[in-house]
Amino acid sequence: MSRHDGRLPCDHRVRRLSLTLFLGASLTSAVGLTLDSMWLLASGAWQLIAAVLLEMVYRP
């Protein structure tokens, strides 16, 4: 059994989603800079915006 830290399983899922979006934004932006592609840079920026908004709105 895991110890109870006051968070629900849905809290962990949202946190994992936010981290996944942040990592995706980092990778997409890095590839966009490397390939000089505005589409990849824009996609990375939107992923980062989504991750930040998710963290701001959903505070367990």
PDB file of N, CA and C in Angstrom:
ATOM      1  N   MET A   1       0.834  -1.184   0.000  1.00  0.00           N
ATOM      2  CA  MET A   1       0.000   0.000   0.000  1.00  0.00           C
ATOM      3  C   MET A   1       0.878   1.247   0.000  1.00  0.00           C
ATOM      4  N   SER A   2       0.390   2.243  -0.671  1.00  0.00           N
ATOM      5  CA  SER A   2       1.136   3.505  -0.677  1.00  0.00           C
ATOM      6  C   SER A   2       0.646   4.385   0.463  1.00  0.00           C
ATOM      7  N   ARG A   3       1.534   5.212   0.920  1.00  0.00           N
ATOM      8  CA  ARG A   3       1.151   6.086   2.017  1.00  0.00           C
ATOM      9  C   ARG A   3       0.221   7.178   1.496  1.00  0.00           C
ATOM     10  N   HIS A   4      -0.646   7.651   2.343  1.00  0.00           N
ATOM     11  CA  HIS A   4      -1.615   8.678   1.968  1.00  0.00           C
ATOM     12  C   HIS A   4      -0.971  10.047   2.127  1.00  0.00           C
ATOM     13  N   ASP A   5      -0.841  10.770   1.025  1.00  0.00           N
ATOM     14  CA  ASP A   5      -0.233  12.094   1.097  1.00  0.00           C
ATOM     15  C   ASP A   5      -1.256  13.210   0.899  1.00  0.00           C
ATOM     16  N   GLY A   6      -2.523  12.887   0.979  1.00  0.00           N
ATOM     17  CA  GLY A   6      -3.561  13.905   0.881  1.00  0.00           C
ATOM     18  C   GLY A   6      -4.012  14.211  -0.535  1.00  0.00           C
ATOM     19  N   ARG A   7      -3.481  13.494  -1.494  1.00  0.00           N
ATOM     20  CA  ARG A   7      -3.869  13.730  -2.882  1.00  0.00           C
ATOM     21  C   ARG A   7      -4.639  12.538  -3.426  1.00  0.00           C
ATOM     22  N   LEU A   8      -5.571  12.822  -4.269  1.00  0.00           N
ATOM     23  CA  LEU A   8      -6.370  11.785  -4.904  1.00  0.00           C
ATOM     24  C   LEU A   8      -5.671  11.278  -6.158  1.00  0.00           C
ATOM     25  N   PRO A   9      -6.067  10.108  -6.651  1.00  0.00           N
ATOM     26  CA  PRO A   9      -5.447   9.605  -7.885  1.00  0.00           C
ATOM     27  C   PRO A   9      -5.636  10.550  -9.074  1.00  0.00           C
ATOM     28  N   CYS A  10      -6.754  11.260  -9.117  1.00  0.00           N
ATOM     29  CA  CYS A  10      -6.960  12.195 -10.225  1.00  0.00           C
ATOM     30  C   CYS A  10      -5.964  13.352 -10.145  1.00  0.00           C
ATOM     31  N   ASP A  11      -5.521  13.720  -8.944  1.00  0.00           N
ATOM     32  CA  ASP A  11      -4.506  14.763  -8.794  1.00  0.00           C
ATOM     33  C   ASP A  11      -3.187  14.321  -9.422  1.00  0.00           C
ATOM     34  N   HIS A  12      -2.855  13.063  -9.230  1.00  0.00           N
ATOM     35  CA  HIS A  12      -1.616  12.542  -9.804  1.00  0.00           C
ATOM     36  C   HIS A  12      -1.700  12.478 -11.330  1.00  0.00           C
ATOM     37  N   ARG A  13      -2.882  12.148 -11.854  1.00  0.00           N
ATOM     38  CA  ARG A  13      -3.060  12.099 -13.309  1.00  0.00           C
ATOM     39  C   ARG A  13      -2.907  13.478 -13.931  1.00  0.00           C
ATOM     40  N   VAL A  14      -3.471  14.496 -13.296  1.00  0.00           N
ATOM     41  CA  VAL A  14      -3.359  15.856 -13.820  1.00  0.00           C
ATOM     42  C   VAL A  14      -1.920  16.332 -13.749  1.00  0.00           C
ATOM     43  N   ARG A  15      -1.238  16.007 -12.674  1.00  0.00           N
ATOM     44  CA  ARG A  15       0.172  16.384 -12.536  1.00  0.00           C
ATOM     45  C   ARG A  15       1.010  15.697 -13.608  1.00  0.00           C
ATOM     46  N   ARG A  16       0.742  14.420 -13.865  1.00  0.00           N
ATOM     47  CA  ARG A  16       1.475  13.679 -14.891  1.00  0.00           C
ATOM     48  C   ARG A  16       1.195  14.263 -16.280  1.00  0.00           C
ATOM     49  N   LEU A  17      -0.057  14.659 -16.532  1.00  0.00           N
ATOM     50  CA  LEU A  17      -0.412  15.274 -17.811  1.00  0.00           C
ATOM     51  C   LEU A  17       0.321  16.606 -17.995  1.00  0.00           C
ATOM     52  N   SER A  18       0.376  17.391 -16.943  1.00  0.00           N
ATOM     53  CA  SER A  18       1.061  18.673 -17.011  1.00  0.00           C
ATOM     54  C   SER A  18       2.557  18.486 -17.292  1.00  0.00           C
ATOM     55  N   LEU A  19       3.175  17.534 -16.627  1.00  0.00           N
ATOM     56  CA  LEU A  19       4.594  17.262 -16.873  1.00  0.00           C
ATOM     57  C   LEU A  19       4.836  16.732 -18.281  1.00  0.00           C
ATOM     58  N   THR A  20       3.921  15.919 -18.770  1.00  0.00           N
ATOM     59  CA  THR A  20       4.031  15.402 -20.126  1.00  0.00           C
ATOM     60  C   THR A  20       3.929  16.531 -21.147  1.00  0.00           C
ATOM     61  N   LEU A  21       2.999  17.454 -20.922  1.00  0.00           N
ATOM     62  CA  LEU A  21       2.883  18.602 -21.815  1.00  0.00           C
ATOM     63  C   LEU A  21       4.147  19.458 -21.788  1.00  0.00           C
ATOM     64  N   PHE A  22       4.716  19.644 -20.605  1.00  0.00           N
ATOM     65  CA  PHE A  22       5.928  20.443 -20.494  1.00  0.00           C
ATOM     66  C   PHE A  22       7.101  19.773 -21.211  1.00  0.00           C
ATOM     67  N   LEU A  23       7.250  18.473 -21.030  1.00  0.00           N
ATOM     68  CA  LEU A  23       8.331  17.760 -21.714  1.00  0.00           C
ATOM     69  C   LEU A  23       8.129  17.767 -23.227  1.00  0.00           C
ATOM     70  N   GLY A  24       6.883  17.594 -23.653  1.00  0.00           N
ATOM     71  CA  GLY A  24       6.581  17.657 -25.085  1.00  0.00           C
ATOM     72  C   GLY A  24       6.882  19.031 -25.659  1.00  0.00           C
ATOM     73  N   ALA A  25       6.554  20.072 -24.900  1.00  0.00           N
ATOM     74  CA  ALA A  25       6.837  21.433 -25.348  1.00  0.00           C
ATOM     75  C   ALA A  25       8.333  21.661 -25.461  1.00  0.00           C
ATOM     76  N   SER A  26       9.086  21.147 -24.510  1.00  0.00           N
ATOM     77  CA  SER A  26      10.543  21.314 -24.548  1.00  0.00           C
ATOM     78  C   SER A  26      11.146  20.612 -25.759  1.00  0.00           C
ATOM     79  N   LEU A  27      10.736  19.383 -25.994  1.00  0.00           N
ATOM     80  CA  LEU A  27      11.276  18.633 -27.127  1.00  0.00           C
ATOM     81  C   LEU A  27      10.857  19.234 -28.459  1.00  0.00           C
ATOM     82  N   THR A  28       9.581  19.604 -28.567  1.00  0.00           N
ATOM     83  CA  THR A  28       9.079  20.168 -29.818  1.00  0.00           C
ATOM     84  C   THR A  28       9.752  21.501 -30.124  1.00  0.00           C
ATOM     85  N   SER A  29       9.934  22.325 -29.108  1.00  0.00           N
ATOM     86  CA  SER A  29      10.592  23.617 -29.320  1.00  0.00           C
ATOM     87  C   SER A  29      12.060  23.437 -29.701  1.00  0.00           C
ATOM     88  N   ALA A  30      12.727  22.495 -29.061  1.00  0.00           N
ATOM     89  CA  ALA A  30      14.134  22.245 -29.396  1.00  0.00           C
ATOM     90  C   ALA A  30      14.282  21.758 -30.829  1.00  0.00           C
ATOM     91  N   VAL A  31      13.411  20.863 -31.243  1.00  0.00           N
ATOM     92  CA  VAL A  31      13.465  20.373 -32.628  1.00  0.00           C
ATOM     93  C   VAL A  31      13.106  21.504 -33.592  1.00  0.00           C
ATOM     94  N   GLY A  32      12.139  22.333 -33.214  1.00  0.00           N
ATOM     95  CA  GLY A  32      11.765  23.470 -34.055  1.00  0.00           C
ATOM     96  C   GLY A  32      12.897  24.456 -34.229  1.00  0.00           C
ATOM     97  N   LEU A  33      13.652  24.700 -33.163  1.00  0.00           N
ATOM     98  CA  LEU A  33      14.817  25.588 -33.275  1.00  0.00           C
ATOM     99  C   LEU A  33      15.914  24.970 -34.134  1.00  0.00           C
ATOM    100  N   THR A  34      16.108  23.671 -33.961  1.00  0.00           N
ATOM    101  CA  THR A  34      17.148  22.986 -34.723  1.00  0.00           C
ATOM    102  C   THR A  34      16.828  22.977 -36.219  1.00  0.00           C
ATOM    103  N   LEU A  35      15.574  22.674 -36.550  1.00  0.00           N
ATOM    104  CA  LEU A  35      15.179  22.591 -37.955  1.00  0.00           C
ATOM    105  C   LEU A  35      14.728  23.932 -38.523  1.00  0.00           C
ATOM    106  N   ASP A  36      14.698  24.971 -37.698  1.00  0.00           N
ATOM    107  CA  ASP A  36      14.244  26.297 -38.107  1.00  0.00           C
ATOM    108  C   ASP A  36      12.815  26.234 -38.664  1.00  0.00           C
ATOM    109  N   SER A  37      11.946  25.569 -37.905  1.00  0.00           N
ATOM    110  CA  SER A  37      10.562  25.368 -38.326  1.00  0.00           C
ATOM    111  C   SER A  37       9.620  26.123 -37.399  1.00  0.00           C
ATOM    112  N   MET A  38       8.896  27.078 -37.964  1.00  0.00           N
ATOM    113  CA  MET A  38       7.958  27.869 -37.163  1.00  0.00           C
ATOM    114  C   MET A  38       6.779  27.024 -36.686  1.00  0.00           C
ATOM    115  N   TRP A  39       6.388  26.015 -37.467  1.00  0.00           N
ATOM    116  CA  TRP A  39       5.258  25.174 -37.062  1.00  0.00           C
ATOM    117  C   TRP A  39       5.580  24.406 -35.780  1.00  0.00           C
ATOM    118  N   LEU A  40       6.785  23.883 -35.701  1.00  0.00           N
ATOM    119  CA  LEU A  40       7.174  23.152 -34.497  1.00  0.00           C
ATOM    120  C   LEU A  40       7.348  24.092 -33.309  1.00  0.00           C
ATOM    121  N   LEU A  41       7.889  25.275 -33.552  1.00  0.00           N
ATOM    122  CA  LEU A  41       8.017  26.256 -32.474  1.00  0.00           C
ATOM    123  C   LEU A  41       6.651  26.666 -31.938  1.00  0.00           C
ATOM    124  N   ALA A  42       5.715  26.903 -32.842  1.00  0.00           N
ATOM    125  CA  ALA A  42       4.364  27.291 -32.425  1.00  0.00           C
ATOM    126  C   ALA A  42       3.677  26.161 -31.663  1.00  0.00           C
ATOM    127  N   SER A  43       3.863  24.946 -32.123  1.00  0.00           N
ATOM    128  CA  SER A  43       3.286  23.794 -31.430  1.00  0.00           C
ATOM    129  C   SER A  43       3.871  23.656 -30.023  1.00  0.00           C
ATOM    130  N   GLY A  44       5.173  23.841 -29.902  1.00  0.00           N
ATOM    131  CA  GLY A  44       5.813  23.792 -28.587  1.00  0.00           C
ATOM    132  C   GLY A  44       5.321  24.901 -27.671  1.00  0.00           C
ATOM    133  N   ALA A  45       5.118  26.083 -28.243  1.00  0.00           N
ATOM    134  CA  ALA A  45       4.615  27.204 -27.440  1.00  0.00           C
ATOM    135  C   ALA A  45       3.205  26.926 -26.930  1.00  0.00           C
ATOM    136  N   TRP A  46       2.355  26.376 -27.774  1.00  0.00           N
ATOM    137  CA  TRP A  46       0.985  26.073 -27.341  1.00  0.00           C
ATOM    138  C   TRP A  46       0.958  24.959 -26.301  1.00  0.00           C
ATOM    139  N   GLN A  47       1.839  24.001 -26.425  1.00  0.00           N
ATOM    140  CA  GLN A  47       1.920  22.948 -25.411  1.00  0.00           C
ATOM    141  C   GLN A  47       2.367  23.526 -24.074  1.00  0.00           C
ATOM    142  N   LEU A  48       3.307  24.433 -24.113  1.00  0.00           N
ATOM    143  CA  LEU A  48       3.769  25.076 -22.886  1.00  0.00           C
ATOM    144  C   LEU A  48       2.661  25.919 -22.261  1.00  0.00           C
ATOM    145  N   ILE A  49       1.915  26.636 -23.084  1.00  0.00           N
ATOM    146  CA  ILE A  49       0.784  27.426 -22.580  1.00  0.00           C
ATOM    147  C   ILE A  49      -0.249  26.516 -21.930  1.00  0.00           C
ATOM    148  N   ALA A  50      -0.543  25.385 -22.564  1.00  0.00           N
ATOM    149  CA  ALA A  50      -1.514  24.445 -21.999  1.00  0.00           C
ATOM    150  C   ALA A  50      -1.027  23.885 -20.667  1.00  0.00           C
ATOM    151  N   ALA A  51       0.255  23.571 -20.562  1.00  0.00           N
ATOM    152  CA  ALA A  51       0.804  23.034 -19.317  1.00  0.00           C
ATOM    153  C   ALA A  51       0.716  24.063 -18.194  1.00  0.00           C
ATOM    154  N   VAL A  52       1.057  25.307 -18.500  1.00  0.00           N
ATOM    155  CA  VAL A  52       1.011  26.358 -17.480  1.00  0.00           C
ATOM    156  C   VAL A  52      -0.431  26.625 -17.057  1.00  0.00           C
ATOM    157  N   LEU A  53      -1.346  26.702 -18.013  1.00  0.00           N
ATOM    158  CA  LEU A  53      -2.757  26.933 -17.657  1.00  0.00           C
ATOM    159  C   LEU A  53      -3.319  25.782 -16.835  1.00  0.00           C
ATOM    160  N   LEU A  54      -2.947  24.575 -17.164  1.00  0.00           N
ATOM    161  CA  LEU A  54      -3.408  23.422 -16.398  1.00  0.00           C
ATOM    162  C   LEU A  54      -2.919  23.500 -14.963  1.00  0.00           C
ATOM    163  N   GLU A  55      -1.669  23.886 -14.769  1.00  0.00           N
ATOM    164  CA  GLU A  55      -1.133  24.021 -13.418  1.00  0.00           C
ATOM    165  C   GLU A  55      -1.801  25.177 -12.661  1.00  0.00           C
ATOM    166  N   MET A  56      -2.097  26.264 -13.368  1.00  0.00           N
ATOM    167  CA  MET A  56      -2.712  27.422 -12.714  1.00  0.00           C
ATOM    168  C   MET A  56      -4.156  27.141 -12.311  1.00  0.00           C
ATOM    169  N   VAL A  57      -4.898  26.471 -13.169  1.00  0.00           N
ATOM    170  CA  VAL A  57      -6.318  26.236 -12.935  1.00  0.00           C
ATOM    171  C   VAL A  57      -6.529  25.093 -11.950  1.00  0.00           C
ATOM    172  N   TYR A  58      -5.792  24.022 -12.131  1.00  0.00           N
ATOM    173  CA  TYR A  58      -6.005  22.828 -11.302  1.00  0.00           C
ATOM    174  C   TYR A  58      -4.957  22.775 -10.217  1.00  0.00           C
ATOM    175  N   ARG A  59      -5.242  23.322  -9.076  1.00  0.00           N
ATOM    176  CA  ARG A  59      -4.348  23.290  -7.938  1.00  0.00           C
ATOM    177  C   ARG A  59      -4.941  22.410  -6.853  1.00  0.00           C
ATOM    178  N   PRO A  60      -4.376  21.204  -6.655  1.00  0.00           N
ATOM    179  CA  PRO A  60      -4.929  20.327  -5.624  1.00  0.00           C
ATOM    180  C   PRO A  60      -4.634  20.820  -4.213  1.00  0.00           C
TER     181      PRO A  60
END
